[in-house]
C-alpha atoms as a PDB file:
ATOM      1  CA  MET A   1      49.633 168.597 -51.923  1.00  0.00           C
ATOM      2  CA  THR A   2      50.304 164.984 -52.049  1.00  0.00           C
ATOM      3  CA  VAL A   3      49.764 164.593 -48.266  1.00  0.00           C
ATOM      4  CA  ILE A   4      47.184 166.554 -48.362  1.00  0.00           C
ATOM      5  CA  LYS A   5      45.024 164.261 -51.243  1.00  0.00           C
ATOM      6  CA  ILE A   6      46.367 161.247 -49.336  1.00  0.00           C
ATOM      7  CA  ILE A   7      45.032 162.356 -46.226  1.00  0.00           C
ATOM      8  CA  LEU A   8      41.150 163.807 -47.838  1.00  0.00           C
ATOM      9  CA  ILE A   9      41.054 160.199 -49.732  1.00  0.00           C
ATOM     10  CA  ALA A  10      41.194 158.436 -46.135  1.00  0.00           C
ATOM     11  CA  VAL A  11      38.889 160.756 -44.219  1.00  0.00           C
ATOM     12  CA  VAL A  12      35.670 160.918 -47.659  1.00  0.00           C
ATOM     13  CA  LEU A  13      36.852 157.101 -47.172  1.00  0.00           C
ATOM     14  CA  LEU A  14      35.685 156.698 -43.455  1.00  0.00           C
ATOM     15  CA  LEU A  15      33.367 158.837 -43.656  1.00  0.00           C
ATOM     16  CA  THR A  16      31.084 157.505 -46.579  1.00  0.00           C
ATOM     17  CA  GLY A  17      31.976 154.167 -45.271  1.00  0.00           C
ATOM     18  CA  ASP A  18      30.670 155.007 -41.344  1.00  0.00           C
ATOM     19  CA  PHE A  19      27.746 156.909 -43.212  1.00  0.00           C
ATOM     20  CA  ILE A  20      26.442 154.074 -45.478  1.00  0.00           C
ATOM     21  CA  SER A  21      27.731 151.642 -42.844  1.00  0.00           C
ATOM     22  CA  THR A  22      25.651 153.150 -40.010  1.00  0.00           C
ATOM     23  CA  PHE A  23      22.015 154.048 -42.023  1.00  0.00           C
ATOM     24  CA  PHE A  24      22.040 151.342 -44.184  1.00  0.00           C
ATOM     25  CA  TYR A  25      23.219 148.342 -42.433  1.00  0.00           C
ATOM     26  CA  HIS A  26      23.829 148.973 -39.120  1.00  0.00           C
ATOM     27  CA  VAL A  27      20.761 149.980 -38.388  1.00  0.00           C
ATOM     28  CA  PRO A  28      18.427 148.259 -40.138  1.00  0.00           C
ATOM     29  CA  GLU A  29      20.569 145.024 -39.131  1.00  0.00           C
ATOM     30  CA  HIS A  30      18.955 146.261 -35.952  1.00  0.00           C
ATOM     31  CA  ILE A  31      15.601 146.098 -36.044  1.00  0.00           C
ATOM     32  CA  PHE A  32      14.519 143.731 -38.989  1.00  0.00           C
ATOM     33  CA  GLY A  33      18.230 141.416 -39.186  1.00  0.00           C
ATOM     34  CA  LYS A  34      18.850 138.295 -36.306  1.00  0.00           C
ATOM     35  CA  TYR A  35      22.685 137.665 -37.196  1.00  0.00           C
ATOM     36  CA  HIS A  36      24.193 141.473 -35.795  1.00  0.00           C
ATOM     37  CA  GLY A  37      22.895 141.487 -32.402  1.00  0.00           C
ATOM     38  CA  ALA A  38      23.215 138.146 -31.838  1.00  0.00           C
ATOM     39  CA  VAL A  39      27.180 137.914 -32.738  1.00  0.00           C
ATOM     40  CA  HIS A  40      28.139 141.467 -32.102  1.00  0.00           C
ATOM     41  CA  HIS A  41      26.406 142.281 -28.856  1.00  0.00           C
ATOM     42  CA  SER A  42      26.595 138.681 -27.265  1.00  0.00           C
ATOM     43  CA  HIS A  43      30.111 137.151 -25.657  1.00  0.00           C
ATOM     44  CA  ASN A  44      30.862 136.117 -28.826  1.00  0.00           C
ATOM     45  CA  ARG A  45      32.352 138.908 -31.258  1.00  0.00           C
ATOM     46  CA  SER A  46      32.730 136.897 -34.366  1.00  0.00           C
ATOM     47  CA  PHE A  47      31.116 136.008 -37.163  1.00  0.00           C
ATOM     48  CA  ILE A  48      33.483 133.282 -37.956  1.00  0.00           C
ATOM     49  CA  ARG A  49      33.587 131.982 -34.624  1.00  0.00           C
ATOM     50  CA  TYR A  50      29.877 132.211 -34.128  1.00  0.00           C
ATOM     51  CA  ALA A  51      29.150 131.076 -38.343  1.00  0.00           C
ATOM     52  CA  ILE A  52      31.350 127.421 -37.519  1.00  0.00           C
ATOM     53  CA  ALA A  53      29.906 127.549 -33.668  1.00  0.00           C
ATOM     54  CA  THR A  54      26.512 127.599 -35.372  1.00  0.00           C
ATOM     55  CA  LYS A  55      27.033 125.901 -38.058  1.00  0.00           C
ATOM     56  CA  ASN A  56      25.270 128.440 -40.852  1.00  0.00           C
ATOM     57  CA  PRO A  57      28.519 130.676 -43.401  1.00  0.00           C
ATOM     58  CA  LEU A  58      25.453 132.932 -44.139  1.00  0.00           C
ATOM     59  CA  VAL A  59      26.213 134.826 -41.167  1.00  0.00           C
ATOM     60  CA  LEU A  60      29.520 135.307 -42.641  1.00  0.00           C
ATOM     61  CA  ILE A  61      27.483 137.496 -44.424  1.00  0.00           C
ATOM     62  CA  THR A  62      26.660 139.720 -42.269  1.00  0.00           C
ATOM     63  CA  GLY A  63      30.303 140.276 -41.385  1.00  0.00           C
ATOM     64  CA  PHE A  64      30.883 141.383 -44.599  1.00  0.00           C
ATOM     65  CA  LEU A  65      28.130 143.739 -45.129  1.00  0.00           C
ATOM     66  CA  ALA A  66      29.339 145.474 -42.245  1.00  0.00           C
ATOM     67  CA  ALA A  67      33.107 146.133 -44.265  1.00  0.00           C
ATOM     68  CA  PHE A  68      31.282 146.362 -47.449  1.00  0.00           C
ATOM     69  CA  PRO A  69      30.362 149.759 -46.917  1.00  0.00           C
ATOM     70  CA  TYR A  70      33.923 150.541 -47.123  1.00  0.00           C
ATOM     71  CA  LEU A  71      34.975 148.710 -49.890  1.00  0.00           C
ATOM     72  CA  VAL A  72      32.108 149.378 -52.128  1.00  0.00           C
ATOM     73  CA  PHE A  73      33.604 153.345 -53.654  1.00  0.00           C
ATOM     74  CA  LEU A  74      37.396 151.519 -53.517  1.00  0.00           C
ATOM     75  CA  PRO A  75      38.271 151.625 -57.233  1.00  0.00           C
ATOM     76  CA  VAL A  76      37.014 155.696 -56.714  1.00  0.00           C
ATOM     77  CA  PHE A  77      39.271 156.082 -54.110  1.00  0.00           C
ATOM     78  CA  TRP A  78      41.890 154.336 -54.780  1.00  0.00           C
ATOM     79  CA  SER A  79      42.662 156.112 -58.339  1.00  0.00           C
ATOM     80  CA  LEU A  80      42.299 159.498 -57.051  1.00  0.00           C
ATOM     81  CA  SER A  81      45.701 157.846 -53.878  1.00  0.00           C
ATOM     82  CA  PRO A  82      46.377 154.525 -53.397  1.00  0.00           C
ATOM     83  CA  THR A  83      48.076 155.410 -50.314  1.00  0.00           C
ATOM     84  CA  GLY A  84      44.957 157.811 -48.997  1.00  0.00           C
ATOM     85  CA  THR A  85      43.050 154.884 -49.707  1.00  0.00           C
ATOM     86  CA  ILE A  86      45.099 152.095 -47.941  1.00  0.00           C
ATOM     87  CA  LEU A  87      45.159 154.623 -44.718  1.00  0.00           C
ATOM     88  CA  GLY A  88      41.786 154.984 -45.036  1.00  0.00           C
ATOM     89  CA  LEU A  89      41.049 151.414 -44.255  1.00  0.00           C
ATOM     90  CA  VAL A  90      44.022 150.550 -42.125  1.00  0.00           C
ATOM     91  CA  LEU A  91      42.768 153.978 -39.815  1.00  0.00           C
ATOM     92  CA  ALA A  92      39.073 151.868 -40.589  1.00  0.00           C
ATOM     93  CA  GLN A  93      40.155 148.392 -39.187  1.00  0.00           C
ATOM     94  CA  SER A  94      42.772 149.955 -36.621  1.00  0.00           C
ATOM     95  CA  HIS A  95      39.244 151.374 -35.026  1.00  0.00           C
ATOM     96  CA  VAL A  96      37.062 148.530 -35.296  1.00  0.00           C
ATOM     97  CA  GLU A  97      40.265 146.888 -32.710  1.00  0.00           C
ATOM     98  CA  PHE A  98      40.111 150.217 -31.070  1.00  0.00           C
ATOM     99  CA  ARG A  99      36.443 150.426 -30.281  1.00  0.00           C
ATOM    100  CA  HIS A 100      36.369 146.836 -29.129  1.00  0.00           C
ATOM    101  CA  LEU A 101      38.845 147.476 -26.342  1.00  0.00           C
ATOM    102  CA  SER A 102      37.262 145.676 -23.261  1.00  0.00           C
ATOM    103  CA  PRO A 103      36.042 147.992 -20.691  1.00  0.00           C
ATOM    104  CA  THR A 104      37.192 146.117 -17.811  1.00  0.00           C
ATOM    105  CA  LYS A 105      40.892 145.979 -18.936  1.00  0.00           C
ATOM    106  CA  TRP A 106      41.306 149.387 -20.530  1.00  0.00           C
ATOM    107  CA  THR A 107      40.681 153.047 -19.871  1.00  0.00           C
ATOM    108  CA  THR A 108      41.009 155.174 -22.701  1.00  0.00           C
ATOM    109  CA  PRO A 109      43.167 158.125 -21.489  1.00  0.00           C
ATOM    110  CA  ASN A 110      42.436 161.578 -21.228  1.00  0.00           C
ATOM    111  CA  THR A 111      44.187 163.157 -23.727  1.00  0.00           C
ATOM    112  CA  ILE A 112      43.354 160.230 -26.042  1.00  0.00           C
ATOM    113  CA  ILE A 113      39.442 160.944 -24.678  1.00  0.00           C
ATOM    114  CA  TYR A 114      39.866 164.846 -25.477  1.00  0.00           C
ATOM    115  CA  ILE A 115      41.367 164.219 -29.019  1.00  0.00           C
ATOM    116  CA  CYS A 116      38.144 161.902 -30.167  1.00  0.00           C
ATOM    117  CA  LYS A 117      35.951 164.377 -28.424  1.00  0.00           C
ATOM    118  CA  LEU A 118      37.260 167.172 -30.657  1.00  0.00           C
ATOM    119  CA  LEU A 119      37.224 164.948 -33.698  1.00  0.00           C
ATOM    120  CA  CYS A 120      33.907 163.490 -33.058  1.00  0.00           C
ATOM    121  CA  ILE A 121      35.349 159.783 -33.166  1.00  0.00           C
ATOM    122  CA  THR A 122      33.751 157.124 -30.706  1.00  0.00           C
ATOM    123  CA  THR A 123      36.028 155.725 -28.450  1.00  0.00           C
ATOM    124  CA  PRO A 124      35.685 152.554 -26.731  1.00  0.00           C
ATOM    125  CA  GLU A 125      33.618 153.994 -23.525  1.00  0.00           C
ATOM    126  CA  ILE A 126      31.157 155.365 -26.238  1.00  0.00           C
ATOM    127  CA  HIS A 127      30.749 151.877 -28.509  1.00  0.00           C
ATOM    128  CA  TRP A 128      30.404 150.054 -25.371  1.00  0.00           C
ATOM    129  CA  GLN A 129      26.786 152.260 -24.327  1.00  0.00           C
ATOM    130  CA  HIS A 130      25.902 150.950 -27.663  1.00  0.00           C
ATOM    131  CA  HIS A 131      26.773 147.464 -26.365  1.00  0.00           C
ATOM    132  CA  ARG A 132      24.958 147.613 -23.830  1.00  0.00           C
ATOM    133  CA  ASN A 133      22.230 149.759 -25.290  1.00  0.00           C
ATOM    134  CA  SER A 134      21.692 148.944 -29.031  1.00  0.00           C
ATOM    135  CA  ARG A 135      19.415 152.441 -29.448  1.00  0.00           C
ATOM    136  CA  ILE A 136      21.959 154.668 -28.843  1.00  0.00           C
ATOM    137  CA  ALA A 137      25.613 155.251 -29.514  1.00  0.00           C
ATOM    138  CA  TYR A 138      25.532 154.649 -33.442  1.00  0.00           C
ATOM    139  CA  GLY A 139      28.143 155.820 -35.905  1.00  0.00           C
ATOM    140  CA  ASP A 140      30.731 152.783 -35.897  1.00  0.00           C
ATOM    141  CA  ILE A 141      33.427 155.440 -36.517  1.00  0.00           C
ATOM    142  CA  PHE A 142      32.083 158.937 -36.034  1.00  0.00           C
ATOM    143  CA  THR A 143      29.620 160.209 -33.028  1.00  0.00           C
ATOM    144  CA  PHE A 144      27.864 162.657 -34.738  1.00  0.00           C
ATOM    145  CA  TYR A 145      25.838 159.700 -36.710  1.00  0.00           C
ATOM    146  CA  ASP A 146      24.617 158.856 -33.558  1.00  0.00           C
ATOM    147  CA  LYS A 147      21.705 161.498 -33.309  1.00  0.00           C
ATOM    148  CA  PRO A 148      20.094 160.484 -36.756  1.00  0.00           C
ATOM    149  CA  ALA A 149      21.009 156.889 -36.837  1.00  0.00           C
ATOM    150  CA  GLN A 150      18.295 156.534 -33.846  1.00  0.00           C
ATOM    151  CA  LEU A 151      16.170 159.105 -35.247  1.00  0.00           C
ATOM    152  CA  TRP A 152      16.826 156.674 -38.451  1.00  0.00           C
ATOM    153  CA  PHE A 153      16.078 153.854 -35.660  1.00  0.00           C
ATOM    154  CA  GLN A 154      12.752 155.054 -34.564  1.00  0.00           C
ATOM    155  CA  PHE A 155      11.448 155.566 -38.604  1.00  0.00           C
ATOM    156  CA  LEU A 156      12.134 152.139 -39.277  1.00  0.00           C
ATOM    157  CA  LEU A 157      10.959 150.499 -36.153  1.00  0.00           C
ATOM    158  CA  GLN A 158       7.366 151.515 -37.460  1.00  0.00           C
ATOM    159  CA  PHE A 159       7.383 149.115 -40.558  1.00  0.00           C
ATOM    160  CA  LYS A 160       8.690 146.090 -38.144  1.00  0.00           C
ATOM    161  CA  GLN A 161       4.983 145.299 -36.817  1.00  0.00           C
ATOM    162  CA  PRO A 162       3.670 144.671 -40.187  1.00  0.00           C
ATOM    163  CA  ILE A 163       6.194 142.508 -41.441  1.00  0.00           C
ATOM    164  CA  ASN A 164       6.308 140.196 -37.919  1.00  0.00           C
ATOM    165  CA  ASN A 165       2.216 139.908 -38.446  1.00  0.00           C
END
């Protein structure tokens, strides 16, 4: 039962973190923000390097906001299963590294692609589609957030024009 609890907490942390990150940070930042696009969709993918280069430490807030959804429920998850919480955070960070593997230097093996498709997990190839076209391939960890995120993007886009005028 303990192993099931650990796995369950890790999965719930990943699901909720990715949901909040996608719908409350990532999509709105593409429409209303400026730092995510300037950093994440450029050759310089480090908020720290970008903050130093531009001498603008406020950029780090955007980097923190990307991680915040995975940390917000930490006290609740920790009280239920510290091990599951740590596992979830390690998997989330590992996936950040995995999905940012260079498409020119890495090709995901077919077996891993098959497993990722079964589990609806974003591969580097899918994530790089998002780097090329910021209106597709949402969901940092889970691919099933993509279609609803695109609808959310279209909905929020209606509000951009009045704010800029």
